[in-house]
């Protein structure tokens, strides 16, 4: 099921809009794929606000990691190779 969800692109459009809930706007798309060793039709739903929040959290973490790697790169730019391997 996770594979089906991961590869299903749900565009934000009037055709895929289902309804607005207390937790956000729900979009859905019907797709067909293998599930339990049979070709089945399934509906994949997304909550746009939760998806955006998750993407923002991931981007924030990746930005922090990038800044730390840049600082480490700057700090170690003049180190000999042996010291880099020890670090």
PDB file of N, CA and C in Angstrom:
ATOM      1  N   UNK A   1       0.823  -1.187   0.000  1.00  0.00           N
ATOM      2  CA  UNK A   1       0.000   0.000   0.000  1.00  0.00           C
ATOM      3  C   UNK A   1       0.865   1.249   0.000  1.00  0.00           C
ATOM      4  N   UNK A   2       1.954   1.235   0.785  1.00  0.00           N
ATOM      5  CA  UNK A   2       2.828   2.407   0.856  1.00  0.00           C
ATOM      6  C   UNK A   2       3.393   2.739  -0.520  1.00  0.00           C
ATOM      7  N   UNK A   3       3.739   1.726  -1.285  1.00  0.00           N
ATOM      8  CA  UNK A   3       4.257   1.934  -2.632  1.00  0.00           C
ATOM      9  C   UNK A   3       3.221   2.631  -3.520  1.00  0.00           C
ATOM     10  N   UNK A   4       1.987   2.230  -3.413  1.00  0.00           N
ATOM     11  CA  UNK A   4       0.914   2.847  -4.196  1.00  0.00           C
ATOM     12  C   UNK A   4       0.770   4.317  -3.804  1.00  0.00           C
ATOM     13  N   UNK A   5       0.775   4.590  -2.516  1.00  0.00           N
ATOM     14  CA  UNK A   5       0.644   5.974  -2.036  1.00  0.00           C
ATOM     15  C   UNK A   5       1.813   6.816  -2.522  1.00  0.00           C
ATOM     16  N   UNK A   6       3.032   6.283  -2.398  1.00  0.00           N
ATOM     17  CA  UNK A   6       4.223   7.035  -2.784  1.00  0.00           C
ATOM     18  C   UNK A   6       4.258   7.389  -4.257  1.00  0.00           C
ATOM     19  N   UNK A   7       3.768   6.504  -5.107  1.00  0.00           N
ATOM     20  CA  UNK A   7       3.875   6.781  -6.543  1.00  0.00           C
ATOM     21  C   UNK A   7       2.615   7.422  -7.140  1.00  0.00           C
ATOM     22  N   UNK A   8       1.603   7.678  -6.322  1.00  0.00           N
ATOM     23  CA  UNK A   8       0.384   8.316  -6.823  1.00  0.00           C
ATOM     24  C   UNK A   8       0.478   9.824  -6.644  1.00  0.00           C
ATOM     25  N   UNK A   9       0.461  10.532  -7.755  1.00  0.00           N
ATOM     26  CA  UNK A   9       0.477  11.989  -7.725  1.00  0.00           C
ATOM     27  C   UNK A   9      -0.967  12.490  -7.724  1.00  0.00           C
ATOM     28  N   UNK A  10      -1.287  13.268  -6.723  1.00  0.00           N
ATOM     29  CA  UNK A  10      -2.651  13.806  -6.627  1.00  0.00           C
ATOM     30  C   UNK A  10      -2.576  15.313  -6.852  1.00  0.00           C
ATOM     31  N   UNK A  11      -2.977  15.771  -8.030  1.00  0.00           N
ATOM     32  CA  UNK A  11      -2.921  17.208  -8.294  1.00  0.00           C
ATOM     33  C   UNK A  11      -3.961  17.959  -7.455  1.00  0.00           C
ATOM     34  N   UNK A  12      -3.628  19.188  -7.097  1.00  0.00           N
ATOM     35  CA  UNK A  12      -4.578  20.028  -6.367  1.00  0.00           C
ATOM     36  C   UNK A  12      -5.457  20.724  -7.391  1.00  0.00           C
ATOM     37  N   UNK A  13      -6.613  20.161  -7.618  1.00  0.00           N
ATOM     38  CA  UNK A  13      -7.518  20.698  -8.629  1.00  0.00           C
ATOM     39  C   UNK A  13      -8.965  20.476  -8.195  1.00  0.00           C
ATOM     40  N   UNK A  14      -9.891  21.175  -8.813  1.00  0.00           N
ATOM     41  CA  UNK A  14     -11.302  20.958  -8.474  1.00  0.00           C
ATOM     42  C   UNK A  14     -11.752  19.518  -8.695  1.00  0.00           C
ATOM     43  N   UNK A  15     -11.137  18.828  -9.668  1.00  0.00           N
ATOM     44  CA  UNK A  15     -11.521  17.449  -9.962  1.00  0.00           C
ATOM     45  C   UNK A  15     -11.109  16.486  -8.852  1.00  0.00           C
ATOM     46  N   UNK A  16     -10.033  16.788  -8.136  1.00  0.00           N
ATOM     47  CA  UNK A  16      -9.565  15.886  -7.090  1.00  0.00           C
ATOM     48  C   UNK A  16      -9.992  16.332  -5.690  1.00  0.00           C
ATOM     49  N   UNK A  17     -10.575  17.518  -5.581  1.00  0.00           N
ATOM     50  CA  UNK A  17     -11.021  18.018  -4.277  1.00  0.00           C
ATOM     51  C   UNK A  17     -12.194  17.180  -3.767  1.00  0.00           C
ATOM     52  N   UNK A  18     -12.104  16.740  -2.503  1.00  0.00           N
ATOM     53  CA  UNK A  18     -13.165  15.937  -1.907  1.00  0.00           C
ATOM     54  C   UNK A  18     -13.992  16.786  -0.954  1.00  0.00           C
ATOM     55  N   UNK A  19     -13.342  17.323   0.071  1.00  0.00           N
ATOM     56  CA  UNK A  19     -14.043  18.222   0.989  1.00  0.00           C
ATOM     57  C   UNK A  19     -13.054  18.898   1.941  1.00  0.00           C
ATOM     58  N   UNK A  20     -13.554  19.885   2.645  1.00  0.00           N
ATOM     59  CA  UNK A  20     -12.761  20.570   3.652  1.00  0.00           C
ATOM     60  C   UNK A  20     -13.168  20.021   5.014  1.00  0.00           C
ATOM     61  N   UNK A  21     -12.155  19.653   5.800  1.00  0.00           N
ATOM     62  CA  UNK A  21     -12.429  19.148   7.149  1.00  0.00           C
ATOM     63  C   UNK A  21     -11.823  20.113   8.160  1.00  0.00           C
ATOM     64  N   UNK A  22     -12.003  19.797   9.422  1.00  0.00           N
ATOM     65  CA  UNK A  22     -11.400  20.635  10.461  1.00  0.00           C
ATOM     66  C   UNK A  22      -9.881  20.623  10.382  1.00  0.00           C
ATOM     67  N   UNK A  23      -9.317  19.548   9.842  1.00  0.00           N
ATOM     68  CA  UNK A  23      -7.856  19.429   9.786  1.00  0.00           C
ATOM     69  C   UNK A  23      -7.274  19.853   8.450  1.00  0.00           C
ATOM     70  N   UNK A  24      -8.091  20.197   7.473  1.00  0.00           N
ATOM     71  CA  UNK A  24      -7.558  20.673   6.209  1.00  0.00           C
ATOM     72  C   UNK A  24      -8.399  20.300   5.009  1.00  0.00           C
ATOM     73  N   UNK A  25      -7.829  20.540   3.850  1.00  0.00           N
ATOM     74  CA  UNK A  25      -8.486  20.258   2.576  1.00  0.00           C
ATOM     75  C   UNK A  25      -8.083  18.871   2.103  1.00  0.00           C
ATOM     76  N   UNK A  26      -9.065  18.050   1.751  1.00  0.00           N
ATOM     77  CA  UNK A  26      -8.826  16.668   1.360  1.00  0.00           C
ATOM     78  C   UNK A  26      -8.969  16.528  -0.154  1.00  0.00           C
ATOM     79  N   UNK A  27      -7.956  15.898  -0.756  1.00  0.00           N
ATOM     80  CA  UNK A  27      -7.957  15.610  -2.190  1.00  0.00           C
ATOM     81  C   UNK A  27      -7.799  14.108  -2.358  1.00  0.00           C
ATOM     82  N   UNK A  28      -8.319  13.564  -3.468  1.00  0.00           N
ATOM     83  CA  UNK A  28      -8.249  12.117  -3.677  1.00  0.00           C
ATOM     84  C   UNK A  28      -8.145  11.793  -5.159  1.00  0.00           C
ATOM     85  N   UNK A  29      -7.611  10.604  -5.414  1.00  0.00           N
ATOM     86  CA  UNK A  29      -7.499  10.120  -6.794  1.00  0.00           C
ATOM     87  C   UNK A  29      -7.614   8.604  -6.783  1.00  0.00           C
ATOM     88  N   UNK A  30      -8.403   8.072  -7.700  1.00  0.00           N
ATOM     89  CA  UNK A  30      -8.524   6.622  -7.850  1.00  0.00           C
ATOM     90  C   UNK A  30      -7.386   6.153  -8.758  1.00  0.00           C
ATOM     91  N   UNK A  31      -6.772   5.028  -8.370  1.00  0.00           N
ATOM     92  CA  UNK A  31      -5.692   4.449  -9.151  1.00  0.00           C
ATOM     93  C   UNK A  31      -5.820   2.930  -9.116  1.00  0.00           C
ATOM     94  N   UNK A  32      -5.161   2.263 -10.029  1.00  0.00           N
ATOM     95  CA  UNK A  32      -5.176   0.806 -10.077  1.00  0.00           C
ATOM     96  C   UNK A  32      -3.738   0.319  -9.993  1.00  0.00           C
ATOM     97  N   UNK A  33      -3.521  -0.667  -9.102  1.00  0.00           N
ATOM     98  CA  UNK A  33      -2.179  -1.207  -8.913  1.00  0.00           C
ATOM     99  C   UNK A  33      -2.285  -2.553  -8.202  1.00  0.00           C
ATOM    100  N   UNK A  34      -1.131  -3.213  -8.077  1.00  0.00           N
ATOM    101  CA  UNK A  34      -1.105  -4.495  -7.371  1.00  0.00           C
ATOM    102  C   UNK A  34      -1.242  -4.275  -5.867  1.00  0.00           C
ATOM    103  N   UNK A  35      -2.164  -4.992  -5.276  1.00  0.00           N
ATOM    104  CA  UNK A  35      -2.372  -4.954  -3.836  1.00  0.00           C
ATOM    105  C   UNK A  35      -2.758  -6.356  -3.405  1.00  0.00           C
ATOM    106  N   UNK A  36      -2.002  -6.947  -2.506  1.00  0.00           N
ATOM    107  CA  UNK A  36      -2.217  -8.338  -2.077  1.00  0.00           C
ATOM    108  C   UNK A  36      -2.218  -9.292  -3.275  1.00  0.00           C
ATOM    109  N   UNK A  37      -1.233  -9.068  -4.158  1.00  0.00           N
ATOM    110  CA  UNK A  37      -0.982  -9.918  -5.325  1.00  0.00           C
ATOM    111  C   UNK A  37      -2.096  -9.919  -6.370  1.00  0.00           C
ATOM    112  N   UNK A  38      -2.969  -8.924  -6.334  1.00  0.00           N
ATOM    113  CA  UNK A  38      -4.007  -8.784  -7.364  1.00  0.00           C
ATOM    114  C   UNK A  38      -4.086  -7.330  -7.792  1.00  0.00           C
ATOM    115  N   UNK A  39      -4.459  -7.132  -9.038  1.00  0.00           N
ATOM    116  CA  UNK A  39      -4.669  -5.781  -9.537  1.00  0.00           C
ATOM    117  C   UNK A  39      -5.974  -5.261  -8.944  1.00  0.00           C
ATOM    118  N   UNK A  40      -5.883  -4.154  -8.220  1.00  0.00           N
ATOM    119  CA  UNK A  40      -7.056  -3.622  -7.530  1.00  0.00           C
ATOM    120  C   UNK A  40      -7.174  -2.126  -7.756  1.00  0.00           C
ATOM    121  N   UNK A  41      -8.366  -1.656  -7.642  1.00  0.00           N
ATOM    122  CA  UNK A  41      -8.643  -0.229  -7.714  1.00  0.00           C
ATOM    123  C   UNK A  41      -8.701   0.319  -6.289  1.00  0.00           C
ATOM    124  N   UNK A  42      -7.919   1.365  -6.029  1.00  0.00           N
ATOM    125  CA  UNK A  42      -7.890   1.976  -4.705  1.00  0.00           C
ATOM    126  C   UNK A  42      -8.000   3.495  -4.841  1.00  0.00           C
ATOM    127  N   UNK A  43      -8.426   4.136  -3.776  1.00  0.00           N
ATOM    128  CA  UNK A  43      -8.488   5.595  -3.746  1.00  0.00           C
ATOM    129  C   UNK A  43      -7.444   6.074  -2.750  1.00  0.00           C
ATOM    130  N   UNK A  44      -6.596   6.990  -3.205  1.00  0.00           N
ATOM    131  CA  UNK A  44      -5.562   7.563  -2.356  1.00  0.00           C
ATOM    132  C   UNK A  44      -5.994   8.979  -1.983  1.00  0.00           C
ATOM    133  N   UNK A  45      -5.982   9.273  -0.694  1.00  0.00           N
ATOM    134  CA  UNK A  45      -6.376  10.581  -0.177  1.00  0.00           C
ATOM    135  C   UNK A  45      -5.155  11.314   0.368  1.00  0.00           C
ATOM    136  N   UNK A  46      -5.168  12.646   0.263  1.00  0.00           N
ATOM    137  CA  UNK A  46      -4.137  13.458   0.913  1.00  0.00           C
ATOM    138  C   UNK A  46      -4.803  14.630   1.628  1.00  0.00           C
ATOM    139  N   UNK A  47      -4.167  15.055   2.681  1.00  0.00           N
ATOM    140  CA  UNK A  47      -4.561  16.268   3.381  1.00  0.00           C
ATOM    141  C   UNK A  47      -3.489  17.292   3.018  1.00  0.00           C
ATOM    142  N   UNK A  48      -3.846  18.281   2.213  1.00  0.00           N
ATOM    143  CA  UNK A  48      -2.861  19.225   1.693  1.00  0.00           C
ATOM    144  C   UNK A  48      -2.118  19.974   2.798  1.00  0.00           C
ATOM    145  N   UNK A  49      -2.801  20.380   3.842  1.00  0.00           N
ATOM    146  CA  UNK A  49      -2.151  21.122   4.915  1.00  0.00           C
ATOM    147  C   UNK A  49      -1.116  20.255   5.634  1.00  0.00           C
ATOM    148  N   UNK A  50      -1.448  19.000   5.886  1.00  0.00           N
ATOM    149  CA  UNK A  50      -0.490  18.105   6.536  1.00  0.00           C
ATOM    150  C   UNK A  50       0.698  17.829   5.627  1.00  0.00           C
ATOM    151  N   UNK A  51       0.436  17.662   4.322  1.00  0.00           N
ATOM    152  CA  UNK A  51       1.532  17.419   3.378  1.00  0.00           C
ATOM    153  C   UNK A  51       2.467  18.616   3.339  1.00  0.00           C
ATOM    154  N   UNK A  52       1.901  19.820   3.292  1.00  0.00           N
ATOM    155  CA  UNK A  52       2.716  21.031   3.266  1.00  0.00           C
ATOM    156  C   UNK A  52       3.520  21.174   4.550  1.00  0.00           C
ATOM    157  N   UNK A  53       2.897  20.889   5.682  1.00  0.00           N
ATOM    158  CA  UNK A  53       3.582  20.969   6.966  1.00  0.00           C
ATOM    159  C   UNK A  53       4.744  19.981   7.020  1.00  0.00           C
ATOM    160  N   UNK A  54       4.531  18.773   6.525  1.00  0.00           N
ATOM    161  CA  UNK A  54       5.588  17.753   6.515  1.00  0.00           C
ATOM    162  C   UNK A  54       6.740  18.189   5.618  1.00  0.00           C
ATOM    163  N   UNK A  55       6.429  18.723   4.448  1.00  0.00           N
ATOM    164  CA  UNK A  55       7.462  19.197   3.526  1.00  0.00           C
ATOM    165  C   UNK A  55       8.245  20.340   4.161  1.00  0.00           C
ATOM    166  N   UNK A  56       7.549  21.262   4.820  1.00  0.00           N
ATOM    167  CA  UNK A  56       8.231  22.370   5.487  1.00  0.00           C
ATOM    168  C   UNK A  56       9.161  21.873   6.581  1.00  0.00           C
ATOM    169  N   UNK A  57       8.712  20.909   7.379  1.00  0.00           N
ATOM    170  CA  UNK A  57       9.550  20.336   8.441  1.00  0.00           C
ATOM    171  C   UNK A  57      10.796  19.662   7.852  1.00  0.00           C
ATOM    172  N   UNK A  58      10.606  18.920   6.754  1.00  0.00           N
ATOM    173  CA  UNK A  58      11.743  18.249   6.118  1.00  0.00           C
ATOM    174  C   UNK A  58      12.727  19.268   5.556  1.00  0.00           C
ATOM    175  N   UNK A  59      12.213  20.308   4.909  1.00  0.00           N
ATOM    176  CA  UNK A  59      13.089  21.331   4.340  1.00  0.00           C
ATOM    177  C   UNK A  59      13.860  22.073   5.430  1.00  0.00           C
ATOM    178  N   UNK A  60      13.210  22.330   6.564  1.00  0.00           N
ATOM    179  CA  UNK A  60      13.882  22.986   7.677  1.00  0.00           C
ATOM    180  C   UNK A  60      15.029  22.120   8.202  1.00  0.00           C
ATOM    181  N   UNK A  61      14.782  20.823   8.358  1.00  0.00           N
ATOM    182  CA  UNK A  61      15.824  19.908   8.834  1.00  0.00           C
ATOM    183  C   UNK A  61      16.968  19.817   7.823  1.00  0.00           C
ATOM    184  N   UNK A  62      16.642  19.715   6.534  1.00  0.00           N
ATOM    185  CA  UNK A  62      17.676  19.640   5.508  1.00  0.00           C
ATOM    186  C   UNK A  62      18.493  20.924   5.440  1.00  0.00           C
ATOM    187  N   UNK A  63      17.856  22.061   5.632  1.00  0.00           N
ATOM    188  CA  UNK A  63      18.570  23.335   5.649  1.00  0.00           C
ATOM    189  C   UNK A  63      19.567  23.371   6.805  1.00  0.00           C
ATOM    190  N   UNK A  64      19.142  22.933   7.986  1.00  0.00           N
ATOM    191  CA  UNK A  64      20.027  22.895   9.153  1.00  0.00           C
ATOM    192  C   UNK A  64      21.221  21.978   8.895  1.00  0.00           C
ATOM    193  N   UNK A  65      20.959  20.792   8.347  1.00  0.00           N
ATOM    194  CA  UNK A  65      22.037  19.846   8.038  1.00  0.00           C
ATOM    195  C   UNK A  65      23.007  20.464   7.036  1.00  0.00           C
ATOM    196  N   UNK A  66      22.478  21.141   6.020  1.00  0.00           N
ATOM    197  CA  UNK A  66      23.325  21.797   5.024  1.00  0.00           C
ATOM    198  C   UNK A  66      24.216  22.858   5.641  1.00  0.00           C
ATOM    199  N   UNK A  67      23.655  23.657   6.545  1.00  0.00           N
ATOM    200  CA  UNK A  67      24.440  24.689   7.226  1.00  0.00           C
ATOM    201  C   UNK A  67      25.550  24.060   8.067  1.00  0.00           C
ATOM    202  N   UNK A  68      25.223  22.971   8.768  1.00  0.00           N
ATOM    203  CA  UNK A  68      26.229  22.284   9.583  1.00  0.00           C
ATOM    204  C   UNK A  68      27.341  21.694   8.705  1.00  0.00           C
ATOM    205  N   UNK A  69      26.961  21.120   7.569  1.00  0.00           N
ATOM    206  CA  UNK A  69      27.970  20.557   6.665  1.00  0.00           C
ATOM    207  C   UNK A  69      28.851  21.649   6.071  1.00  0.00           C
ATOM    208  N   UNK A  70      28.257  22.794   5.742  1.00  0.00           N
ATOM    209  CA  UNK A  70      29.049  23.913   5.228  1.00  0.00           C
ATOM    210  C   UNK A  70      30.043  24.407   6.276  1.00  0.00           C
ATOM    211  N   UNK A  71      29.591  24.515   7.530  1.00  0.00           N
ATOM    212  CA  UNK A  71      30.483  24.949   8.609  1.00  0.00           C
ATOM    213  C   UNK A  71      31.619  23.943   8.811  1.00  0.00           C
ATOM    214  N   UNK A  72      31.282  22.667   8.788  1.00  0.00           N
ATOM    215  CA  UNK A  72      32.297  21.627   8.943  1.00  0.00           C
ATOM    216  C   UNK A  72      33.283  21.654   7.775  1.00  0.00           C
ATOM    217  N   UNK A  73      32.784  21.866   6.584  1.00  0.00           N
ATOM    218  CA  UNK A  73      33.631  21.951   5.400  1.00  0.00           C
ATOM    219  C   UNK A  73      34.597  23.121   5.510  1.00  0.00           C
ATOM    220  N   UNK A  74      34.098  24.252   5.967  1.00  0.00           N
ATOM    221  CA  UNK A  74      34.941  25.436   6.137  1.00  0.00           C
ATOM    222  C   UNK A  74      35.986  25.203   7.224  1.00  0.00           C
ATOM    223  N   UNK A  75      35.578  24.588   8.326  1.00  0.00           N
ATOM    224  CA  UNK A  75      36.482  24.333   9.442  1.00  0.00           C
ATOM    225  C   UNK A  75      37.603  23.368   9.031  1.00  0.00           C
ATOM    226  N   UNK A  76      37.286  22.387   8.216  1.00  0.00           N
ATOM    227  CA  UNK A  76      38.266  21.362   7.869  1.00  0.00           C
ATOM    228  C   UNK A  76      38.956  21.552   6.541  1.00  0.00           C
ATOM    229  N   UNK A  77      38.782  22.709   5.915  1.00  0.00           N
ATOM    230  CA  UNK A  77      39.332  22.879   4.565  1.00  0.00           C
ATOM    231  C   UNK A  77      40.855  22.792   4.516  1.00  0.00           C
ATOM    232  N   UNK A  78      41.543  23.134   5.593  1.00  0.00           N
ATOM    233  CA  UNK A  78      43.004  23.082   5.595  1.00  0.00           C
ATOM    234  C   UNK A  78      43.550  21.870   6.332  1.00  0.00           C
ATOM    235  N   UNK A  79      42.690  20.980   6.778  1.00  0.00           N
ATOM    236  CA  UNK A  79      43.133  19.791   7.507  1.00  0.00           C
ATOM    237  C   UNK A  79      43.747  18.777   6.540  1.00  0.00           C
ATOM    238  N   UNK A  80      44.727  18.020   7.025  1.00  0.00           N
ATOM    239  CA  UNK A  80      45.228  16.922   6.200  1.00  0.00           C
ATOM    240  C   UNK A  80      44.187  15.791   6.133  1.00  0.00           C
ATOM    241  N   UNK A  81      44.303  14.962   5.128  1.00  0.00           N
ATOM    242  CA  UNK A  81      43.321  13.900   4.914  1.00  0.00           C
ATOM    243  C   UNK A  81      43.172  12.973   6.126  1.00  0.00           C
ATOM    244  N   UNK A  82      44.281  12.671   6.790  1.00  0.00           N
ATOM    245  CA  UNK A  82      44.230  11.771   7.949  1.00  0.00           C
ATOM    246  C   UNK A  82      43.366  12.352   9.058  1.00  0.00           C
ATOM    247  N   UNK A  83      43.450  13.660   9.268  1.00  0.00           N
ATOM    248  CA  UNK A  83      42.626  14.282  10.318  1.00  0.00           C
ATOM    249  C   UNK A  83      41.144  14.258   9.936  1.00  0.00           C
ATOM    250  N   UNK A  84      40.864  14.434   8.650  1.00  0.00           N
ATOM    251  CA  UNK A  84      39.451  14.376   8.195  1.00  0.00           C
ATOM    252  C   UNK A  84      38.858  13.003   8.474  1.00  0.00           C
ATOM    253  N   UNK A  85      39.640  11.943   8.273  1.00  0.00           N
ATOM    254  CA  UNK A  85      39.145  10.588   8.521  1.00  0.00           C
ATOM    255  C   UNK A  85      38.939  10.337  10.009  1.00  0.00           C
ATOM    256  N   UNK A  86      39.757  10.970  10.856  1.00  0.00           N
ATOM    257  CA  UNK A  86      39.613  10.818  12.307  1.00  0.00           C
ATOM    258  C   UNK A  86      38.394  11.558  12.825  1.00  0.00           C
ATOM    259  N   UNK A  87      37.994  12.618  12.156  1.00  0.00           N
ATOM    260  CA  UNK A  87      36.881  13.444  12.620  1.00  0.00           C
ATOM    261  C   UNK A  87      35.608  12.707  12.359  1.00  0.00           C
TER     262      UNK A  87
END
